[in-house]
């Protein structure tokens, strides 16, 4: 498996040298900075090949800080399929502050251009998306976004991929957002987020948001993430290997309607995914034959997988987005997108892949003993 040069070495060493902390080096106040957070931000910036990284107390806190670049009257174009918390923030928080958002399918050529208005200031993307695993051609999307306004700020949420598999800044994005809670920490014991950029003005704004708003992580949480990062490259290889095996199993199972995993040749944006990434994480979704009743039986039957909303940890998780992660998205929008009650999202962990497949197989058999 090819990856970015020096990733594992940087994950272990960048920002960690104890000699950097001179006795007379101090931060004026705990909210504005501490040595542990400095080390974490330096390490994350190196992994994403970014000039700057600014850490926040959650992924949504990082999202909020980035969206605070805008002012009332500005306009955002967002991918239609994004994390439910992001969708809710754009509609109910940014919207309440006079910032309008239009949600479009950016996998369809020309949709971004059609959505543009003179006051468009930001384009927001997840690739792959949550929970439908849509893959946006980031380089083409950036070009389309800047056709009429070169000052457009392009933001990519890279949570599903991590910098081990994808680096959106190299594809033209201005800002990257991560929910560190997920793969980067990887152990389901921290809530944190960050934003990264090569732009000096964005860095200045984000550090101001840290200090003025105060949604910052604790030093101990930064220590935990510093620890988790040291195995990121090891974990992501196993997530990919396991998830590909699980996806191939599900695709061949008669009780499954459709599998959404960008590393499968059957994925509609498979070629785009191959072009802009070094692999894939453990995130996928699939449509179970049936509806909510069958989904309930599936969740009652699983043993190795755990029913939970989060993702990206060492343990395997699964959920029903329509009732859990995307319950805050309007029913009309969910129906239009295809976030139905038989859509199951899974985060494949690093357990033995044979055990994961066996667990899914027995659960599917109990879900529908005789396939339709």
Protein backbone atom coordinates (compact mmCIF):
# COMPACT_ATOMS: atom_id res chain seq x y z
CA UNK A 1 0.00 0.00 0.00
CA UNK A 2 1.45 3.38 -1.00
CA UNK A 3 1.08 6.35 1.30
CA UNK A 4 2.54 9.80 1.81
CA UNK A 5 6.32 9.77 2.36
CA UNK A 6 7.45 9.74 5.98
CA UNK A 7 3.93 9.62 7.44
CA UNK A 8 4.66 7.08 10.19
CA UNK A 9 7.91 8.75 11.25
CA UNK A 10 6.21 12.14 11.42
CA UNK A 11 3.31 10.67 13.40
CA UNK A 12 5.70 9.42 16.07
CA UNK A 13 8.20 12.30 16.25
CA UNK A 14 6.95 15.70 15.02
CA UNK A 15 6.26 18.15 17.85
CA UNK A 16 7.42 15.74 20.54
CA UNK A 17 11.02 16.84 21.25
CA UNK A 18 11.23 17.86 24.94
CA UNK A 19 14.16 20.22 24.27
CA UNK A 20 11.80 22.70 22.59
CA UNK A 21 10.35 23.79 25.95
CA UNK A 22 12.65 26.37 27.50
CA UNK A 23 12.06 27.20 31.13
CA UNK A 24 11.21 30.81 30.32
CA UNK A 25 8.67 29.94 27.63
CA UNK A 26 5.17 30.50 29.00
CA UNK A 27 1.63 30.96 27.75
CA UNK A 28 -0.19 33.96 29.12
CA UNK A 29 -3.38 31.99 29.83
CA UNK A 30 -4.44 28.35 29.66
CA UNK A 31 -7.21 28.99 27.16
CA UNK A 32 -4.86 30.63 24.66
CA UNK A 33 -2.35 27.80 24.65
CA UNK A 34 -0.29 25.20 26.47
CA UNK A 35 2.76 23.11 25.52
CA UNK A 36 0.77 19.90 25.07
CA UNK A 37 -1.66 21.55 22.66
CA UNK A 38 1.24 23.17 20.80
CA UNK A 39 2.85 19.75 20.32
CA UNK A 40 -0.40 18.25 19.06
CA UNK A 41 -1.07 21.07 16.61
CA UNK A 42 2.46 20.83 15.21
CA UNK A 43 2.11 17.09 14.76
CA UNK A 44 -1.27 17.30 13.04
CA UNK A 45 -0.06 20.04 10.69
CA UNK A 46 2.87 17.85 9.66
CA UNK A 47 0.61 14.87 8.92
CA UNK A 48 -1.74 16.94 6.76
CA UNK A 49 1.23 18.77 5.17
CA UNK A 50 -0.35 22.01 6.33
CA UNK A 51 1.31 25.18 7.59
CA UNK A 52 -1.14 25.63 10.45
CA UNK A 53 -3.36 23.51 12.66
CA UNK A 54 -5.66 24.87 15.37
CA UNK A 55 -7.32 22.47 17.84
CA UNK A 56 -10.81 22.84 19.31
CA UNK A 57 -12.89 21.01 21.89
CA UNK A 58 -14.94 19.09 19.30
CA UNK A 59 -15.38 18.65 15.59
CA UNK A 60 -18.42 20.93 15.66
CA UNK A 61 -16.44 23.55 17.60
CA UNK A 62 -13.91 23.51 14.75
CA UNK A 63 -16.78 23.74 12.25
CA UNK A 64 -18.23 26.70 14.13
CA UNK A 65 -14.85 28.49 14.19
CA UNK A 66 -14.44 28.08 10.44
CA UNK A 67 -18.00 29.22 9.70
CA UNK A 68 -17.36 32.29 11.84
CA UNK A 69 -15.21 33.52 8.95
CA UNK A 70 -18.55 34.55 7.40
CA UNK A 71 -20.96 37.35 8.21
CA UNK A 72 -24.71 37.94 7.80
CA UNK A 73 -25.65 38.12 4.14
CA UNK A 74 -23.00 35.64 3.02
CA UNK A 75 -23.96 32.44 1.22
CA UNK A 76 -22.67 28.87 1.46
CA UNK A 77 -22.88 25.99 -0.99
CA UNK A 78 -22.67 22.66 0.81
CA UNK A 79 -22.63 19.08 -0.36
CA UNK A 80 -26.13 17.67 0.15
CA UNK A 81 -24.92 14.61 2.07
CA UNK A 82 -22.98 15.79 5.11
CA UNK A 83 -22.79 14.83 8.78
CA UNK A 84 -26.13 15.53 10.47
CA UNK A 85 -24.55 17.91 12.99
CA UNK A 86 -23.02 19.96 10.18
CA UNK A 87 -26.33 20.02 8.31
CA UNK A 88 -28.14 21.20 11.45
CA UNK A 89 -25.50 23.86 12.18
CA UNK A 90 -25.70 25.26 8.66
CA UNK A 91 -29.51 25.34 8.70
CA UNK A 92 -30.29 26.35 12.26
CA UNK A 93 -27.25 28.23 13.56
CA UNK A 94 -25.71 29.87 10.50
CA UNK A 95 -29.20 30.29 9.05
CA UNK A 96 -30.42 32.04 12.20
CA UNK A 97 -27.47 34.43 11.86
CA UNK A 98 -28.37 35.47 8.32
CA UNK A 99 -26.06 33.09 6.44
CA UNK A 100 -27.95 31.06 3.86
CA UNK A 101 -26.88 27.57 2.73
CA UNK A 102 -27.88 25.63 -0.37
CA UNK A 103 -27.27 21.86 -0.41
CA UNK A 104 -26.34 20.35 -3.77
CA UNK A 105 -25.08 17.03 -5.15
CA UNK A 106 -21.50 17.91 -6.05
CA UNK A 107 -20.96 14.55 -7.74
CA UNK A 108 -23.14 15.84 -10.59
CA UNK A 109 -21.25 18.07 -13.01
CA UNK A 110 -22.56 21.63 -13.17
CA UNK A 111 -24.50 21.60 -9.88
CA UNK A 112 -22.03 23.91 -8.11
CA UNK A 113 -22.12 26.47 -10.92
CA UNK A 114 -25.93 26.46 -10.94
CA UNK A 115 -26.03 27.13 -7.19
CA UNK A 116 -23.69 30.14 -7.27
CA UNK A 117 -24.86 33.59 -6.24
CA UNK A 118 -22.95 36.90 -6.17
CA UNK A 119 -22.67 36.64 -2.37
CA UNK A 120 -21.28 33.07 -2.34
CA UNK A 121 -18.36 33.06 0.09
CA UNK A 122 -17.80 29.41 1.02
CA UNK A 123 -18.12 25.89 -0.36
CA UNK A 124 -18.36 23.05 2.18
CA UNK A 125 -17.53 19.46 1.23
CA UNK A 126 -17.17 16.03 2.76
CA UNK A 127 -15.46 13.42 0.61
CA UNK A 128 -16.36 10.66 1.17
CA UNK A 129 -19.62 11.92 2.60
CA UNK A 130 -21.56 10.86 5.67
CA UNK A 131 -23.46 8.52 5.48
CA UNK A 132 -23.80 7.84 1.73
CA UNK A 133 -20.05 7.77 0.97
CA UNK A 134 -20.32 10.10 -2.02
CA UNK A 135 -16.90 11.01 -3.44
CA UNK A 136 -16.43 14.54 -4.76
CA UNK A 137 -13.63 15.27 -7.23
CA UNK A 138 -11.98 17.84 -4.98
CA UNK A 139 -9.66 19.34 -7.60
CA UNK A 140 -12.52 19.75 -10.11
CA UNK A 141 -14.83 21.09 -7.39
CA UNK A 142 -12.26 23.74 -6.42
CA UNK A 143 -11.88 24.81 -10.06
CA UNK A 144 -15.65 25.05 -10.50
CA UNK A 145 -16.03 26.98 -7.23
CA UNK A 146 -13.44 29.58 -8.22
CA UNK A 147 -14.57 30.06 -11.80
CA UNK A 148 -16.57 33.19 -10.96
CA UNK A 149 -14.95 34.17 -7.65
CA UNK A 150 -11.32 33.26 -6.94
CA UNK A 151 -11.77 34.38 -3.31
CA UNK A 152 -14.20 31.56 -2.47
CA UNK A 153 -13.15 29.65 0.66
CA UNK A 154 -13.25 25.90 0.03
CA UNK A 155 -13.56 23.74 3.15
CA UNK A 156 -13.17 19.95 3.15
CA UNK A 157 -14.12 17.78 6.11
CA UNK A 158 -11.45 15.05 5.96
CA UNK A 159 -12.64 13.09 9.01
CA UNK A 160 -13.55 9.89 7.16
CA UNK A 161 -10.19 9.69 5.37
CA UNK A 162 -7.56 11.15 7.72
CA UNK A 163 -4.36 12.62 6.26
CA UNK A 164 -3.00 9.08 5.94
CA UNK A 165 -5.23 8.49 2.91
CA UNK A 166 -6.12 11.97 1.59
CA UNK A 167 -4.72 15.51 1.74
CA UNK A 168 -7.29 18.02 0.44
CA UNK A 169 -4.96 21.04 0.68
CA UNK A 170 -2.83 19.47 -2.04
CA UNK A 171 -5.97 19.29 -4.19
CA UNK A 172 -6.71 23.01 -3.83
CA UNK A 173 -8.81 23.31 -0.66
CA UNK A 174 -8.28 26.29 1.68
CA UNK A 175 -9.32 24.73 4.97
CA UNK A 176 -9.53 21.17 6.31
CA UNK A 177 -11.73 20.21 9.25
CA UNK A 178 -11.33 17.02 11.30
CA UNK A 179 -13.34 15.47 14.08
CA UNK A 180 -10.29 14.22 15.98
CA UNK A 181 -12.75 12.25 18.11
CA UNK A 182 -12.80 9.69 15.31
CA UNK A 183 -9.84 8.09 13.49
CA UNK A 184 -7.07 10.50 14.48
CA UNK A 185 -7.47 9.71 18.18
CA UNK A 186 -8.83 6.29 17.36
CA UNK A 187 -9.64 5.01 20.85
CA UNK A 188 -13.12 6.45 21.52
CA UNK A 189 -11.98 8.26 24.66
CA UNK A 190 -11.62 11.88 23.51
CA UNK A 191 -13.91 14.51 21.98
CA UNK A 192 -11.90 17.02 19.92
CA UNK A 193 -11.67 18.73 16.55
CA UNK A 194 -9.26 20.83 14.52
CA UNK A 195 -9.02 23.07 11.49
CA UNK A 196 -5.99 23.31 9.21
CA UNK A 197 -4.92 25.75 6.52
CA UNK A 198 -1.95 27.18 4.67
CA UNK A 199 -3.51 30.67 4.78
CA UNK A 200 -2.15 33.19 7.27
CA UNK A 201 -5.49 35.03 7.50
CA UNK A 202 -7.34 31.82 8.31
CA UNK A 203 -4.76 30.90 10.96
CA UNK A 204 -5.11 34.33 12.61
CA UNK A 205 -8.90 33.99 12.64
CA UNK A 206 -8.81 30.47 14.11
CA UNK A 207 -6.42 31.39 16.91
CA UNK A 208 -8.67 34.35 17.72
CA UNK A 209 -11.64 31.94 17.89
CA UNK A 210 -9.70 29.76 20.34
CA UNK A 211 -9.04 32.69 22.63
CA UNK A 212 -12.27 34.66 22.24
CA UNK A 213 -14.79 31.80 22.16
CA UNK A 214 -12.86 29.37 24.33
CA UNK A 215 -13.93 26.05 22.81
CA UNK A 216 -10.50 24.51 23.36
CA UNK A 217 -9.35 21.01 24.37
CA UNK A 218 -7.80 20.26 27.73
CA UNK A 219 -4.07 19.49 28.00
CA UNK A 220 -4.88 15.93 29.07
CA UNK A 221 -7.09 15.33 26.02
CA UNK A 222 -4.26 16.69 23.85
CA UNK A 223 -1.93 14.20 25.54
CA UNK A 224 -4.32 11.36 24.74
CA UNK A 225 -4.54 12.37 21.08
CA UNK A 226 -0.75 12.72 20.87
CA UNK A 227 -0.63 9.12 22.08
CA UNK A 228 -3.28 7.93 19.63
CA UNK A 229 -1.62 9.53 16.62
CA UNK A 230 1.50 7.41 17.08
CA UNK A 231 -0.42 4.37 15.83
CA UNK A 232 -2.57 6.15 13.23
CA UNK A 233 -0.66 4.78 10.25
CA UNK A 234 -0.75 1.26 11.70
CA UNK A 235 -4.47 1.41 12.49
CA UNK A 236 -5.53 2.86 9.14
CA UNK A 237 -3.89 0.02 7.21
CA UNK A 238 -5.90 -2.51 9.21
CA UNK A 239 -9.13 -0.51 8.95
CA UNK A 240 -8.71 -0.54 5.16
CA UNK A 241 -7.85 -4.22 4.91
CA UNK A 242 -10.76 -5.25 7.15
CA UNK A 243 -13.28 -2.90 5.54
CA UNK A 244 -12.49 -4.03 2.03
CA UNK A 245 -13.03 -7.66 3.06
CA UNK A 246 -16.30 -6.75 4.81
CA UNK A 247 -17.51 -4.72 1.83
CA UNK A 248 -16.79 -7.58 -0.56
CA UNK A 249 -18.66 -9.99 1.71
CA UNK A 250 -21.69 -7.69 1.98
CA UNK A 251 -21.75 -7.08 -1.76
CA UNK A 252 -22.06 -10.81 -2.34
CA UNK A 253 -24.74 -11.38 0.30
CA UNK A 254 -28.29 -11.95 -0.96
CA UNK A 255 -29.79 -10.15 2.03
CA UNK A 256 -28.07 -6.87 1.11
CA UNK A 257 -29.46 -4.55 -1.57
CA UNK A 258 -26.44 -2.33 -2.13
CA UNK A 259 -23.04 -1.55 -0.59
CA UNK A 260 -21.57 1.97 -0.52
CA UNK A 261 -17.78 1.76 -0.20
CA UNK A 262 -15.53 3.89 -2.44
CA UNK A 263 -12.80 1.23 -2.70
CA UNK A 264 -15.21 -1.15 -4.44
CA UNK A 265 -15.18 -0.99 -8.27
CA UNK A 266 -19.00 -0.90 -8.12
CA UNK A 267 -18.95 2.50 -6.39
CA UNK A 268 -20.11 5.24 -8.81
CA UNK A 269 -17.11 7.46 -8.03
CA UNK A 270 -14.55 4.65 -7.77
CA UNK A 271 -12.19 6.19 -10.34
CA UNK A 272 -12.33 9.61 -8.67
CA UNK A 273 -11.60 8.01 -5.33
CA UNK A 274 -8.57 6.16 -6.71
CA UNK A 275 -7.26 9.36 -8.31
CA UNK A 276 -7.24 11.54 -5.19
CA UNK A 277 -6.56 9.12 -2.33
CA UNK A 278 -4.06 6.52 -1.12
CA UNK A 279 -6.70 4.08 0.10
CA UNK A 280 -9.86 4.07 2.22
CA UNK A 281 -10.85 3.99 5.87
CA UNK A 282 -13.27 1.60 7.55
CA UNK A 283 -16.40 3.63 6.80
CA UNK A 284 -19.17 2.19 4.64
CA UNK A 285 -22.93 1.98 4.43
CA UNK A 286 -25.24 -0.65 3.02
CA UNK A 287 -28.94 -1.05 2.31
CA UNK A 288 -30.45 -4.06 4.04
CA UNK A 289 -33.30 -5.76 2.22
CA UNK A 290 -36.45 -4.80 4.09
CA UNK A 291 -37.15 -1.88 6.39
CA UNK A 292 -36.99 -0.86 10.04
CA UNK A 293 -38.21 -4.24 11.30
CA UNK A 294 -35.37 -6.05 9.54
CA UNK A 295 -32.87 -3.44 10.69
CA UNK A 296 -34.00 -3.91 14.29
CA UNK A 297 -33.51 -7.67 14.03
CA UNK A 298 -30.04 -7.09 12.59
CA UNK A 299 -29.01 -4.87 15.50
CA UNK A 300 -30.47 -7.31 18.03
CA UNK A 301 -28.34 -10.09 16.51
CA UNK A 302 -24.90 -8.48 16.23
CA UNK A 303 -22.27 -9.48 18.80
CA UNK A 304 -18.87 -8.14 17.73
CA UNK A 305 -20.22 -4.92 16.25
CA UNK A 306 -21.71 -2.42 18.70
CA UNK A 307 -24.73 -0.20 18.02
CA UNK A 308 -23.37 3.35 18.48
CA UNK A 309 -23.28 6.71 16.72
CA UNK A 310 -19.56 7.34 16.71
CA UNK A 311 -16.92 5.99 14.32
CA UNK A 312 -13.22 5.62 13.70
CA UNK A 313 -12.24 3.78 16.86
CA UNK A 314 -10.46 0.47 17.12
CA UNK A 315 -13.78 -1.26 17.79
CA UNK A 316 -16.39 -1.93 15.08
CA UNK A 317 -19.59 0.09 15.31
CA UNK A 318 -22.85 0.31 13.37
CA UNK A 319 -25.88 2.58 13.36
CA UNK A 320 -29.09 3.59 11.57
CA UNK A 321 -28.38 7.15 10.34
CA UNK A 322 -32.08 7.96 9.86
CA UNK A 323 -32.72 7.53 13.59
CA UNK A 324 -29.31 8.42 14.98
CA UNK A 325 -26.58 10.52 13.31
CA UNK A 326 -28.96 12.18 10.83
CA UNK A 327 -32.16 12.36 12.87
CA UNK A 328 -31.81 16.17 12.91
CA UNK A 329 -31.94 16.29 9.10
CA UNK A 330 -35.48 16.89 7.88
CA UNK A 331 -37.49 13.82 6.87
CA UNK A 332 -37.97 15.32 3.42
CA UNK A 333 -34.24 15.80 2.93
CA UNK A 334 -33.48 12.28 4.19
CA UNK A 335 -35.98 10.77 1.78
CA UNK A 336 -34.55 12.76 -1.13
CA UNK A 337 -31.00 11.67 -0.31
CA UNK A 338 -31.86 8.03 0.29
CA UNK A 339 -31.18 7.98 4.03
CA UNK A 340 -33.88 5.38 4.65
CA UNK A 341 -34.61 3.16 7.61
CA UNK A 342 -32.86 0.19 5.97
CA UNK A 343 -29.60 2.13 5.47
CA UNK A 344 -26.98 0.87 7.92
CA UNK A 345 -23.66 2.67 8.43
CA UNK A 346 -20.75 0.70 9.80
CA UNK A 347 -17.34 1.68 11.07
CA UNK A 348 -15.11 -1.34 10.61
CA UNK A 349 -12.56 -1.65 13.41
CA UNK A 350 -9.29 -3.51 13.75
CA UNK A 351 -10.56 -6.81 15.13
CA UNK A 352 -9.85 -10.00 13.19
CA UNK A 353 -11.68 -9.63 9.88
CA UNK A 354 -12.86 -13.25 9.96
CA UNK A 355 -14.73 -12.53 13.22
CA UNK A 356 -16.29 -9.38 11.78
CA UNK A 357 -17.54 -11.18 8.69
CA UNK A 358 -18.85 -14.11 10.75
CA UNK A 359 -20.76 -11.70 13.00
CA UNK A 360 -22.35 -9.93 10.03
CA UNK A 361 -23.19 -13.24 8.38
CA UNK A 362 -25.01 -14.67 11.39
CA UNK A 363 -26.84 -11.38 12.00
CA UNK A 364 -27.99 -11.17 8.39
CA UNK A 365 -29.27 -14.76 8.51
CA UNK A 366 -31.34 -13.93 11.58
CA UNK A 367 -32.55 -10.72 9.96
CA UNK A 368 -34.07 -12.56 7.02
CA UNK A 369 -33.87 -16.36 7.36
CA UNK A 370 -35.17 -16.71 3.83
CA UNK A 371 -33.93 -13.96 1.52
CA UNK A 372 -36.50 -12.37 -0.79
